[in-house]
C-alpha atoms as a PDB file:
ATOM      1  CA  MET A   1      11.184  79.076 -69.553  1.00  0.00           C
ATOM      2  CA  ARG A   2      10.719  81.395 -66.517  1.00  0.00           C
ATOM      3  CA  LEU A   3       7.784  79.899 -63.921  1.00  0.00           C
ATOM      4  CA  SER A   4       7.099  83.537 -63.543  1.00  0.00           C
ATOM      5  CA  ALA A   5       6.517  83.944 -67.395  1.00  0.00           C
ATOM      6  CA  ALA A   6       4.478  80.738 -67.763  1.00  0.00           C
ATOM      7  CA  VAL A   7       1.857  81.700 -65.016  1.00  0.00           C
ATOM      8  CA  GLU A   8       1.718  85.176 -66.796  1.00  0.00           C
ATOM      9  CA  GLN A   9       0.847  83.089 -70.018  1.00  0.00           C
ATOM     10  CA  PHE A  10      -1.680  81.099 -68.455  1.00  0.00           C
ATOM     11  CA  LEU A  11      -3.754  83.695 -66.358  1.00  0.00           C
ATOM     12  CA  ALA A  12      -3.899  85.400 -69.900  1.00  0.00           C
ATOM     13  CA  ALA A  13      -4.653  82.573 -71.286  1.00  0.00           C
ATOM     14  CA  VAL A  14      -7.670  81.984 -68.900  1.00  0.00           C
ATOM     15  CA  GLN A  15      -8.718  85.471 -68.657  1.00  0.00           C
ATOM     16  CA  LEU A  16      -9.011  86.213 -72.867  1.00  0.00           C
ATOM     17  CA  GLU A  17      -9.183  83.145 -74.500  1.00  0.00           C
ATOM     18  CA  TYR A  18     -11.135  81.122 -72.141  1.00  0.00           C
ATOM     19  CA  GLY A  19     -13.409  83.573 -70.539  1.00  0.00           C
ATOM     20  CA  TYR A  20     -13.164  82.824 -67.203  1.00  0.00           C
ATOM     21  CA  SER A  21     -14.535  85.255 -64.587  1.00  0.00           C
ATOM     22  CA  GLU A  22     -12.702  87.966 -63.090  1.00  0.00           C
ATOM     23  CA  HIS A  23     -13.140  86.300 -59.795  1.00  0.00           C
ATOM     24  CA  THR A  24     -11.817  83.010 -60.742  1.00  0.00           C
ATOM     25  CA  VAL A  25      -8.581  84.844 -62.529  1.00  0.00           C
ATOM     26  CA  ARG A  26      -8.128  86.629 -59.111  1.00  0.00           C
ATOM     27  CA  ALA A  27      -8.084  83.487 -57.263  1.00  0.00           C
ATOM     28  CA  TYR A  28      -5.795  81.618 -59.924  1.00  0.00           C
ATOM     29  CA  ARG A  29      -3.433  84.927 -59.547  1.00  0.00           C
ATOM     30  CA  ARG A  30      -3.304  84.692 -55.800  1.00  0.00           C
ATOM     31  CA  ASP A  31      -2.464  81.205 -55.481  1.00  0.00           C
ATOM     32  CA  LEU A  32       0.035  80.839 -57.856  1.00  0.00           C
ATOM     33  CA  ASP A  33       2.050  84.393 -56.701  1.00  0.00           C
ATOM     34  CA  TRP A  34       2.386  82.390 -53.897  1.00  0.00           C
ATOM     35  CA  PHE A  35       3.715  79.352 -55.483  1.00  0.00           C
ATOM     36  CA  VAL A  36       6.319  81.363 -57.373  1.00  0.00           C
ATOM     37  CA  VAL A  37       7.299  82.832 -54.335  1.00  0.00           C
ATOM     38  CA  PHE A  38       7.880  79.476 -53.068  1.00  0.00           C
ATOM     39  CA  ALA A  39       9.179  77.831 -56.124  1.00  0.00           C
ATOM     40  CA  GLU A  40      11.672  80.611 -56.305  1.00  0.00           C
ATOM     41  CA  ALA A  41      12.571  80.823 -52.319  1.00  0.00           C
ATOM     42  CA  ALA A  42      13.718  77.157 -52.821  1.00  0.00           C
ATOM     43  CA  GLY A  43      15.805  78.104 -55.913  1.00  0.00           C
ATOM     44  CA  HIS A  44      13.212  76.414 -58.632  1.00  0.00           C
ATOM     45  CA  GLU A  45      12.695  79.500 -61.038  1.00  0.00           C
ATOM     46  CA  HIS A  46      12.722  78.215 -64.247  1.00  0.00           C
ATOM     47  CA  LEU A  47       9.922  75.738 -65.391  1.00  0.00           C
ATOM     48  CA  ALA A  48      11.386  72.539 -65.865  1.00  0.00           C
ATOM     49  CA  ALA A  49      11.447  72.498 -62.106  1.00  0.00           C
ATOM     50  CA  CYS A  50       7.995  72.569 -61.926  1.00  0.00           C
ATOM     51  CA  ASP A  51       7.265  68.970 -60.842  1.00  0.00           C
ATOM     52  CA  LEU A  52       4.503  67.010 -58.451  1.00  0.00           C
ATOM     53  CA  GLU A  53       7.612  66.701 -56.038  1.00  0.00           C
ATOM     54  CA  LEU A  54       7.606  70.831 -55.873  1.00  0.00           C
ATOM     55  CA  MET A  55       3.900  70.998 -55.458  1.00  0.00           C
ATOM     56  CA  ARG A  56       3.720  68.667 -53.012  1.00  0.00           C
ATOM     57  CA  GLU A  57       6.217  70.354 -51.022  1.00  0.00           C
ATOM     58  CA  TRP A  58       4.354  73.685 -51.603  1.00  0.00           C
ATOM     59  CA  LEU A  59       0.718  72.513 -50.715  1.00  0.00           C
ATOM     60  CA  TRP A  60       2.441  70.848 -47.224  1.00  0.00           C
ATOM     61  CA  GLN A  61       3.717  74.235 -46.593  1.00  0.00           C
ATOM     62  CA  ARG A  62       0.048  75.904 -46.268  1.00  0.00           C
ATOM     63  CA  GLN A  63      -1.017  72.592 -44.281  1.00  0.00           C
ATOM     64  CA  GLN A  64       1.698  73.978 -42.201  1.00  0.00           C
ATOM     65  CA  GLN A  65       0.925  77.434 -41.851  1.00  0.00           C
ATOM     66  CA  GLY A  66      -3.107  75.887 -40.630  1.00  0.00           C
ATOM     67  CA  LEU A  67      -4.851  77.127 -43.966  1.00  0.00           C
ATOM     68  CA  ALA A  68      -7.949  75.507 -43.790  1.00  0.00           C
ATOM     69  CA  ALA A  69      -8.848  72.178 -46.209  1.00  0.00           C
ATOM     70  CA  THR A  70     -11.097  74.622 -48.022  1.00  0.00           C
ATOM     71  CA  THR A  71      -7.955  76.836 -49.062  1.00  0.00           C
ATOM     72  CA  ILE A  72      -5.682  74.085 -49.584  1.00  0.00           C
ATOM     73  CA  ALA A  73      -8.483  72.119 -52.017  1.00  0.00           C
ATOM     74  CA  ARG A  74      -7.988  75.541 -54.124  1.00  0.00           C
ATOM     75  CA  ASN A  75      -4.934  75.360 -54.008  1.00  0.00           C
ATOM     76  CA  VAL A  76      -4.861  72.233 -55.868  1.00  0.00           C
ATOM     77  CA  ALA A  77      -7.654  72.887 -58.224  1.00  0.00           C
ATOM     78  CA  THR A  78      -5.494  75.902 -59.415  1.00  0.00           C
ATOM     79  CA  LEU A  79      -2.577  73.750 -59.993  1.00  0.00           C
ATOM     80  CA  LYS A  80      -4.581  71.377 -61.476  1.00  0.00           C
ATOM     81  CA  SER A  81      -5.747  73.657 -63.867  1.00  0.00           C
ATOM     82  CA  PHE A  82      -1.944  75.597 -64.604  1.00  0.00           C
ATOM     83  CA  GLY A  83      -0.668  71.914 -64.940  1.00  0.00           C
ATOM     84  CA  ALA A  84      -3.409  70.889 -67.925  1.00  0.00           C
ATOM     85  CA  TRP A  85      -2.699  74.157 -69.656  1.00  0.00           C
ATOM     86  CA  LEU A  86       1.265  73.897 -69.405  1.00  0.00           C
ATOM     87  CA  GLU A  87       0.467  70.445 -70.778  1.00  0.00           C
ATOM     88  CA  ARG A  88      -2.093  71.039 -73.748  1.00  0.00           C
ATOM     89  CA  SER A  89       0.756  74.350 -74.090  1.00  0.00           C
ATOM     90  CA  ARG A  90       3.456  71.499 -74.340  1.00  0.00           C
ATOM     91  CA  LEU A  91       5.349  73.339 -72.107  1.00  0.00           C
ATOM     92  CA  VAL A  92       5.923  69.999 -70.479  1.00  0.00           C
ATOM     93  CA  PRO A  93       5.695  66.551 -71.069  1.00  0.00           C
ATOM     94  CA  GLY A  94       2.574  66.004 -68.779  1.00  0.00           C
ATOM     95  CA  ASN A  95       0.623  67.447 -66.296  1.00  0.00           C
ATOM     96  CA  PRO A  96       2.707  67.795 -63.148  1.00  0.00           C
ATOM     97  CA  ALA A  97      -0.407  68.041 -61.149  1.00  0.00           C
ATOM     98  CA  SER A  98      -2.523  65.099 -62.161  1.00  0.00           C
ATOM     99  CA  ARG A  99      -1.865  63.151 -59.197  1.00  0.00           C
ATOM    100  CA  LEU A 100      -2.475  65.743 -56.851  1.00  0.00           C
ATOM    101  CA  ARG A 101      -5.564  65.104 -54.349  1.00  0.00           C
ATOM    102  CA  ALA A 102      -7.686  67.596 -52.728  1.00  0.00           C
ATOM    103  CA  PRO A 103      -8.371  67.040 -49.034  1.00  0.00           C
ATOM    104  CA  LYS A 104     -11.770  65.207 -48.427  1.00  0.00           C
ATOM    105  CA  ALA A 105     -15.142  67.444 -48.166  1.00  0.00           C
ATOM    106  CA  GLY A 106     -16.588  67.216 -44.344  1.00  0.00           C
ATOM    107  CA  ARG A 107     -13.188  66.379 -43.453  1.00  0.00           C
ATOM    108  CA  GLU A 108     -11.059  69.649 -42.631  1.00  0.00           C
ATOM    109  CA  LEU A 109      -7.360  68.988 -41.094  1.00  0.00           C
ATOM    110  CA  PRO A 110      -6.660  70.314 -38.514  1.00  0.00           C
ATOM    111  CA  ARG A 111      -4.883  73.810 -37.738  1.00  0.00           C
ATOM    112  CA  VAL A 112      -1.470  72.651 -36.521  1.00  0.00           C
ATOM    113  CA  LEU A 113       1.692  75.333 -35.668  1.00  0.00           C
ATOM    114  CA  ALA A 114       4.727  74.164 -36.372  1.00  0.00           C
ATOM    115  CA  ASP A 115       7.593  73.559 -33.335  1.00  0.00           C
ATOM    116  CA  ASP A 116       9.277  76.948 -33.897  1.00  0.00           C
ATOM    117  CA  ARG A 117       5.967  78.649 -34.106  1.00  0.00           C
ATOM    118  CA  MET A 118       4.605  77.298 -30.238  1.00  0.00           C
ATOM    119  CA  ARG A 119       7.710  77.806 -28.894  1.00  0.00           C
ATOM    120  CA  ARG A 120       7.645  81.719 -29.995  1.00  0.00           C
ATOM    121  CA  ILE A 121       4.114  82.004 -28.633  1.00  0.00           C
ATOM    122  CA  LEU A 122       5.289  80.419 -25.360  1.00  0.00           C
ATOM    123  CA  THR A 123       8.108  82.682 -25.110  1.00  0.00           C
ATOM    124  CA  ARG A 124       6.262  85.530 -25.630  1.00  0.00           C
ATOM    125  CA  VAL A 125       3.415  85.254 -23.477  1.00  0.00           C
ATOM    126  CA  GLU A 126       6.561  84.012 -20.868  1.00  0.00           C
ATOM    127  CA  ALA A 127       8.390  87.235 -21.099  1.00  0.00           C
ATOM    128  CA  ARG A 128       5.544  88.950 -20.502  1.00  0.00           C
ATOM    129  CA  ALA A 129       4.208  87.136 -17.640  1.00  0.00           C
ATOM    130  CA  HIS A 130       4.664  89.256 -14.568  1.00  0.00           C
ATOM    131  CA  GLU A 131       3.937  89.174 -10.394  1.00  0.00           C
ATOM    132  CA  ASP A 132       2.211  92.452 -10.510  1.00  0.00           C
ATOM    133  CA  HIS A 133      -0.368  91.309 -13.390  1.00  0.00           C
ATOM    134  CA  PRO A 134      -1.408  87.817 -12.284  1.00  0.00           C
ATOM    135  CA  GLU A 135      -3.630  87.658 -15.392  1.00  0.00           C
ATOM    136  CA  SER A 136      -0.579  87.632 -17.160  1.00  0.00           C
ATOM    137  CA  LEU A 137       0.748  84.899 -14.807  1.00  0.00           C
ATOM    138  CA  ARG A 138      -2.769  82.998 -15.191  1.00  0.00           C
ATOM    139  CA  ASP A 139      -2.836  83.129 -19.127  1.00  0.00           C
ATOM    140  CA  HIS A 140       0.775  81.705 -19.405  1.00  0.00           C
ATOM    141  CA  ALA A 141       0.045  78.762 -17.303  1.00  0.00           C
ATOM    142  CA  VAL A 142      -3.054  78.191 -19.342  1.00  0.00           C
ATOM    143  CA  LEU A 143      -1.593  78.056 -22.715  1.00  0.00           C
ATOM    144  CA  GLU A 144       1.382  76.037 -20.857  1.00  0.00           C
ATOM    145  CA  LEU A 145      -1.321  73.385 -19.461  1.00  0.00           C
ATOM    146  CA  LEU A 146      -3.216  73.541 -22.939  1.00  0.00           C
ATOM    147  CA  TYR A 147      -0.288  72.356 -24.773  1.00  0.00           C
ATOM    148  CA  ALA A 148       1.671  69.961 -23.051  1.00  0.00           C
ATOM    149  CA  ALA A 149      -2.048  67.982 -22.044  1.00  0.00           C
ATOM    150  CA  ALA A 150      -3.433  68.789 -25.068  1.00  0.00           C
ATOM    151  CA  LEU A 151      -6.757  69.569 -22.953  1.00  0.00           C
ATOM    152  CA  ARG A 152     -10.131  70.703 -24.321  1.00  0.00           C
ATOM    153  CA  VAL A 153     -10.731  74.121 -23.316  1.00  0.00           C
ATOM    154  CA  SER A 154     -13.577  72.769 -21.480  1.00  0.00           C
ATOM    155  CA  GLU A 155     -11.771  70.383 -19.398  1.00  0.00           C
ATOM    156  CA  LEU A 156      -9.072  73.090 -18.154  1.00  0.00           C
ATOM    157  CA  CYS A 157     -11.956  75.592 -16.834  1.00  0.00           C
ATOM    158  CA  SER A 158     -13.398  72.927 -15.143  1.00  0.00           C
ATOM    159  CA  LEU A 159     -10.475  71.528 -13.752  1.00  0.00           C
ATOM    160  CA  PRO A 160     -10.244  71.754  -9.824  1.00  0.00           C
ATOM    161  CA  VAL A 161      -7.625  72.164  -8.057  1.00  0.00           C
ATOM    162  CA  THR A 162      -7.766  69.020  -6.210  1.00  0.00           C
ATOM    163  CA  GLY A 163      -7.676  67.546  -9.482  1.00  0.00           C
ATOM    164  CA  LEU A 164      -3.699  68.528  -9.649  1.00  0.00           C
ATOM    165  CA  ASP A 165      -1.072  66.750  -8.824  1.00  0.00           C
ATOM    166  CA  ALA A 166       1.922  68.584  -8.466  1.00  0.00           C
ATOM    167  CA  GLY A 167       4.416  66.096  -7.018  1.00  0.00           C
ATOM    168  CA  ALA A 168       2.919  63.622  -9.990  1.00  0.00           C
ATOM    169  CA  ARG A 169       2.542  66.203 -12.845  1.00  0.00           C
ATOM    170  CA  THR A 170      -0.573  64.571 -13.835  1.00  0.00           C
ATOM    171  CA  VAL A 171      -3.960  66.129 -14.026  1.00  0.00           C
ATOM    172  CA  ARG A 172      -7.111  64.486 -13.355  1.00  0.00           C
ATOM    173  CA  VAL A 173      -9.838  65.747 -15.810  1.00  0.00           C
ATOM    174  CA  LEU A 174     -13.341  65.072 -17.175  1.00  0.00           C
ATOM    175  CA  GLY A 175     -13.721  64.556 -20.177  1.00  0.00           C
ATOM    176  CA  LYS A 176     -16.598  63.865 -23.210  1.00  0.00           C
ATOM    177  CA  GLY A 177     -19.383  61.302 -21.365  1.00  0.00           C
ATOM    178  CA  GLY A 178     -18.340  62.258 -18.201  1.00  0.00           C
ATOM    179  CA  LYS A 179     -14.911  60.457 -18.916  1.00  0.00           C
ATOM    180  CA  GLU A 180     -12.313  60.646 -16.359  1.00  0.00           C
ATOM    181  CA  ARG A 181      -8.399  60.516 -17.546  1.00  0.00           C
ATOM    182  CA  VAL A 182      -5.751  61.456 -15.836  1.00  0.00           C
ATOM    183  CA  VAL A 183      -2.682  63.179 -18.256  1.00  0.00           C
ATOM    184  CA  PRO A 184       0.648  64.512 -17.806  1.00  0.00           C
ATOM    185  CA  TYR A 185       2.413  67.586 -18.321  1.00  0.00           C
ATOM    186  CA  GLY A 186       5.854  68.601 -18.453  1.00  0.00           C
ATOM    187  CA  GLY A 187       8.597  70.731 -16.389  1.00  0.00           C
ATOM    188  CA  PRO A 188       7.865  74.312 -18.149  1.00  0.00           C
ATOM    189  CA  ALA A 189       4.042  73.442 -17.529  1.00  0.00           C
ATOM    190  CA  ALA A 190       4.569  72.953 -14.214  1.00  0.00           C
ATOM    191  CA  ARG A 191       6.635  75.711 -13.460  1.00  0.00           C
ATOM    192  CA  ALA A 192       4.201  78.126 -14.899  1.00  0.00           C
ATOM    193  CA  ILE A 193       1.112  76.332 -13.019  1.00  0.00           C
ATOM    194  CA  GLU A 194       3.434  76.473  -9.995  1.00  0.00           C
ATOM    195  CA  THR A 195       3.816  80.451 -10.130  1.00  0.00           C
ATOM    196  CA  TYR A 196       0.798  81.394 -10.984  1.00  0.00           C
ATOM    197  CA  THR A 197      -0.990  78.741  -7.776  1.00  0.00           C
ATOM    198  CA  ARG A 198       1.705  80.869  -5.555  1.00  0.00           C
ATOM    199  CA  ALA A 199       1.420  84.747  -6.405  1.00  0.00           C
ATOM    200  CA  ALA A 200      -1.434  84.995  -9.198  1.00  0.00           C
ATOM    201  CA  ARG A 201      -4.374  82.871  -7.820  1.00  0.00           C
ATOM    202  CA  PRO A 202      -4.889  84.230  -4.310  1.00  0.00           C
ATOM    203  CA  ALA A 203      -4.761  87.645  -5.820  1.00  0.00           C
ATOM    204  CA  LEU A 204      -7.161  86.615  -8.272  1.00  0.00           C
ATOM    205  CA  LEU A 205      -9.006  84.939  -5.565  1.00  0.00           C
ATOM    206  CA  ALA A 206      -9.299  88.373  -3.324  1.00  0.00           C
ATOM    207  CA  ARG A 207     -11.023  90.080  -6.057  1.00  0.00           C
ATOM    208  CA  ALA A 208     -14.325  88.334  -5.513  1.00  0.00           C
ATOM    209  CA  GLY A 209     -17.332  90.536  -4.804  1.00  0.00           C
ATOM    210  CA  GLN A 210     -15.322  93.619  -5.761  1.00  0.00           C
ATOM    211  CA  GLY A 211     -17.344  95.598  -8.186  1.00  0.00           C
ATOM    212  CA  ARG A 212     -20.136  94.908 -10.343  1.00  0.00           C
ATOM    213  CA  GLY A 213     -22.259  95.236  -7.036  1.00  0.00           C
ATOM    214  CA  ASP A 214     -20.220  92.819  -4.782  1.00  0.00           C
ATOM    215  CA  GLN A 215     -21.776  90.167  -7.106  1.00  0.00           C
ATOM    216  CA  PRO A 216     -18.735  87.249  -6.969  1.00  0.00           C
ATOM    217  CA  ALA A 217     -18.373  85.104 -10.113  1.00  0.00           C
ATOM    218  CA  PRO A 218     -19.211  81.785  -9.298  1.00  0.00           C
ATOM    219  CA  GLY A 219     -17.135  78.840  -8.401  1.00  0.00           C
ATOM    220  CA  GLY A 220     -13.905  80.248  -7.798  1.00  0.00           C
ATOM    221  CA  HIS A 221     -12.348  79.181  -5.090  1.00  0.00           C
ATOM    222  CA  HIS A 222     -12.471  74.938  -6.378  1.00  0.00           C
ATOM    223  CA  ALA A 223     -11.090  75.897  -9.527  1.00  0.00           C
ATOM    224  CA  LEU A 224      -7.653  75.791 -10.571  1.00  0.00           C
ATOM    225  CA  PHE A 225      -7.682  78.645 -13.005  1.00  0.00           C
ATOM    226  CA  VAL A 226      -9.479  81.738 -11.713  1.00  0.00           C
ATOM    227  CA  GLY A 227     -10.758  84.373 -13.899  1.00  0.00           C
ATOM    228  CA  ASN A 228     -10.530  88.354 -13.662  1.00  0.00           C
ATOM    229  CA  ARG A 229     -13.618  88.992 -11.192  1.00  0.00           C
ATOM    230  CA  GLY A 230     -11.992  86.098  -8.860  1.00  0.00           C
ATOM    231  CA  GLY A 231     -14.287  83.187 -10.487  1.00  0.00           C
ATOM    232  CA  ARG A 232     -14.248  79.693 -12.158  1.00  0.00           C
ATOM    233  CA  LEU A 233     -12.230  80.754 -15.350  1.00  0.00           C
ATOM    234  CA  SER A 234     -14.529  80.787 -18.459  1.00  0.00           C
ATOM    235  CA  PRO A 235     -14.106  79.473 -21.490  1.00  0.00           C
ATOM    236  CA  ASN A 236     -14.855  82.255 -23.776  1.00  0.00           C
ATOM    237  CA  ALA A 237     -11.995  84.205 -21.655  1.00  0.00           C
ATOM    238  CA  VAL A 238      -9.688  81.460 -22.804  1.00  0.00           C
ATOM    239  CA  TYR A 239     -10.952  81.392 -26.294  1.00  0.00           C
ATOM    240  CA  ARG A 240     -10.389  85.395 -26.523  1.00  0.00           C
ATOM    241  CA  MET A 241      -6.846  84.722 -24.852  1.00  0.00           C
ATOM    242  CA  VAL A 242      -5.396  82.550 -27.381  1.00  0.00           C
ATOM    243  CA  ALA A 243      -6.983  83.735 -29.844  1.00  0.00           C
ATOM    244  CA  ARG A 244      -5.107  86.657 -29.324  1.00  0.00           C
ATOM    245  CA  GLU A 245      -2.023  84.908 -29.156  1.00  0.00           C
ATOM    246  CA  LEU A 246      -2.763  82.871 -32.391  1.00  0.00           C
ATOM    247  CA  SER A 247      -3.373  85.993 -34.699  1.00  0.00           C
ATOM    248  CA  GLU A 248       0.043  87.010 -34.197  1.00  0.00           C
ATOM    249  CA  GLU A 249       1.415  83.994 -36.113  1.00  0.00           C
ATOM    250  CA  PRO A 250       0.985  84.005 -39.923  1.00  0.00           C
ATOM    251  CA  GLY A 251      -1.454  81.442 -41.169  1.00  0.00           C
ATOM    252  CA  GLY A 252      -5.708  80.919 -41.422  1.00  0.00           C
ATOM    253  CA  GLY A 253      -7.793  78.720 -40.283  1.00  0.00           C
ATOM    254  CA  PRO A 254      -9.081  78.517 -36.226  1.00  0.00           C
ATOM    255  CA  ARG A 255      -7.385  80.177 -33.527  1.00  0.00           C
ATOM    256  CA  GLY A 256      -8.988  78.897 -30.831  1.00  0.00           C
ATOM    257  CA  PRO A 257      -7.487  76.886 -27.788  1.00  0.00           C
ATOM    258  CA  HIS A 258      -8.408  73.695 -29.505  1.00  0.00           C
ATOM    259  CA  THR A 259      -5.542  74.652 -32.299  1.00  0.00           C
ATOM    260  CA  LEU A 260      -3.328  73.916 -29.385  1.00  0.00           C
ATOM    261  CA  ARG A 261      -4.609  70.378 -28.463  1.00  0.00           C
ATOM    262  CA  HIS A 262      -4.294  69.686 -32.065  1.00  0.00           C
ATOM    263  CA  THR A 263      -0.630  70.779 -32.146  1.00  0.00           C
ATOM    264  CA  ALA A 264       0.004  69.086 -28.928  1.00  0.00           C
ATOM    265  CA  ALA A 265      -1.228  65.363 -30.972  1.00  0.00           C
ATOM    266  CA  THR A 266       0.748  66.391 -33.799  1.00  0.00           C
ATOM    267  CA  HIS A 267       4.035  66.907 -32.258  1.00  0.00           C
ATOM    268  CA  LEU A 268       3.232  63.966 -30.237  1.00  0.00           C
ATOM    269  CA  LEU A 269       3.190  61.596 -33.342  1.00  0.00           C
ATOM    270  CA  ASN A 270       5.404  63.296 -34.595  1.00  0.00           C
ATOM    271  CA  GLY A 271       8.215  62.365 -31.959  1.00  0.00           C
ATOM    272  CA  GLY A 272       7.269  59.014 -32.154  1.00  0.00           C
ATOM    273  CA  ALA A 273       4.674  58.713 -29.176  1.00  0.00           C
ATOM    274  CA  ASP A 274       2.053  55.521 -30.412  1.00  0.00           C
ATOM    275  CA  LEU A 275      -1.156  56.146 -31.623  1.00  0.00           C
ATOM    276  CA  ARG A 276      -2.858  54.568 -28.548  1.00  0.00           C
ATOM    277  CA  VAL A 277      -1.062  55.944 -26.398  1.00  0.00           C
ATOM    278  CA  VAL A 278      -2.524  59.900 -27.912  1.00  0.00           C
ATOM    279  CA  GLN A 279      -5.572  58.506 -28.045  1.00  0.00           C
ATOM    280  CA  GLU A 280      -5.668  58.036 -24.393  1.00  0.00           C
ATOM    281  CA  MET A 281      -4.104  61.047 -23.524  1.00  0.00           C
ATOM    282  CA  LEU A 282      -6.655  62.718 -25.990  1.00  0.00           C
ATOM    283  CA  GLY A 283      -9.303  60.909 -24.160  1.00  0.00           C
ATOM    284  CA  HIS A 284     -10.989  59.883 -27.713  1.00  0.00           C
ATOM    285  CA  SER A 285     -13.318  56.803 -27.292  1.00  0.00           C
ATOM    286  CA  SER A 286     -12.954  55.653 -30.729  1.00  0.00           C
ATOM    287  CA  LEU A 287      -9.476  55.707 -32.669  1.00  0.00           C
ATOM    288  CA  SER A 288     -10.396  56.831 -36.009  1.00  0.00           C
ATOM    289  CA  SER A 289     -11.084  60.199 -33.731  1.00  0.00           C
ATOM    290  CA  THR A 290      -6.991  60.279 -33.224  1.00  0.00           C
ATOM    291  CA  GLN A 291      -6.510  58.976 -36.678  1.00  0.00           C
ATOM    292  CA  VAL A 292      -6.749  62.294 -38.283  1.00  0.00           C
ATOM    293  CA  TYR A 293      -3.347  63.787 -36.922  1.00  0.00           C
ATOM    294  CA  THR A 294      -1.522  60.918 -38.468  1.00  0.00           C
ATOM    295  CA  HIS A 295      -1.829  62.584 -41.709  1.00  0.00           C
ATOM    296  CA  VAL A 296       0.576  65.615 -40.576  1.00  0.00           C
ATOM    297  CA  SER A 297       2.786  63.274 -39.435  1.00  0.00           C
ATOM    298  CA  THR A 298       3.129  60.488 -42.364  1.00  0.00           C
ATOM    299  CA  GLU A 299       2.998  63.713 -45.261  1.00  0.00           C
ATOM    300  CA  ARG A 300       6.421  64.816 -43.128  1.00  0.00           C
ATOM    301  CA  LEU A 301       7.369  61.455 -43.088  1.00  0.00           C
ATOM    302  CA  ALA A 302       7.215  61.283 -46.856  1.00  0.00           C
ATOM    303  CA  GLN A 303       8.661  64.597 -47.188  1.00  0.00           C
ATOM    304  CA  SER A 304      11.692  63.842 -44.712  1.00  0.00           C
ATOM    305  CA  TYR A 305      11.545  60.237 -46.844  1.00  0.00           C
ATOM    306  CA  ARG A 306      11.594  61.716 -50.352  1.00  0.00           C
ATOM    307  CA  GLN A 307      14.877  64.116 -49.378  1.00  0.00           C
ATOM    308  CA  ALA A 308      16.814  61.374 -47.642  1.00  0.00           C
ATOM    309  CA  HIS A 309      16.434  58.351 -49.506  1.00  0.00           C
ATOM    310  CA  PRO A 310      18.662  57.478 -52.262  1.00  0.00           C
ATOM    311  CA  ARG A 311      15.529  55.887 -54.467  1.00  0.00           C
ATOM    312  CA  ALA A 312      12.923  57.683 -53.494  1.00  0.00           C
END
């Protein structure tokens, strides 16, 4: 029996036999349609392949797309209802979804972009950066540094020129609670910042006092990142810019600058960085705040184990 046919039978049953609301049936259909698409793309068209591992792989993909924990929890609930019906209908020997667990309430997993999506965003922004448009050079440098150093948007916007050490490729930032830390960044961010400070920052500073009653935005001459009117770049402006770039990528969930911080932390752990090193880089006072990122890395490790180990 094809998986898609079993799904249709299940949807008919919950609507006609069990009297579920139209809203619930629509939600079930939406979730299971996506599940069938995923299964068929993986070469699992038949119901016999609908097991716990396939369901877990689908939920993992959904999480990697940046969907909210509430959405993942609904997906889990749908699979559990579908699995229970399969068992009751004796189409499978047991409920394949019985061991699925939804994300804990009140502890939403951070939205994390996959490596290739992060590269695509940065490549796209770099391609648009041009010296005739200083804003585009600034936006490229902002995105590179947010991701490279896993900064909070408030830390980036308050970063003074003196906080940048171009030779050592580090920034000295003031985090929560007034705690200062030094964070490294890599070559791509260094090149983007150098181009911005050389070709774009002076042009943006020159706009101070021009237009809007000749009232310049404050603080621009001390700030590393300068806004369109020559003053200090505002968190709202960074949020709008990052949200615009993330809106071009598939997946739900938050679209603000914190997504880049989540992504950087997860990619560091995926690459083998020690948890306490990541804690120090992020400026977390408690290790438990950093451990939320280990969920993604642990799931990826488990997936690789299941695929590679002969006795997984």
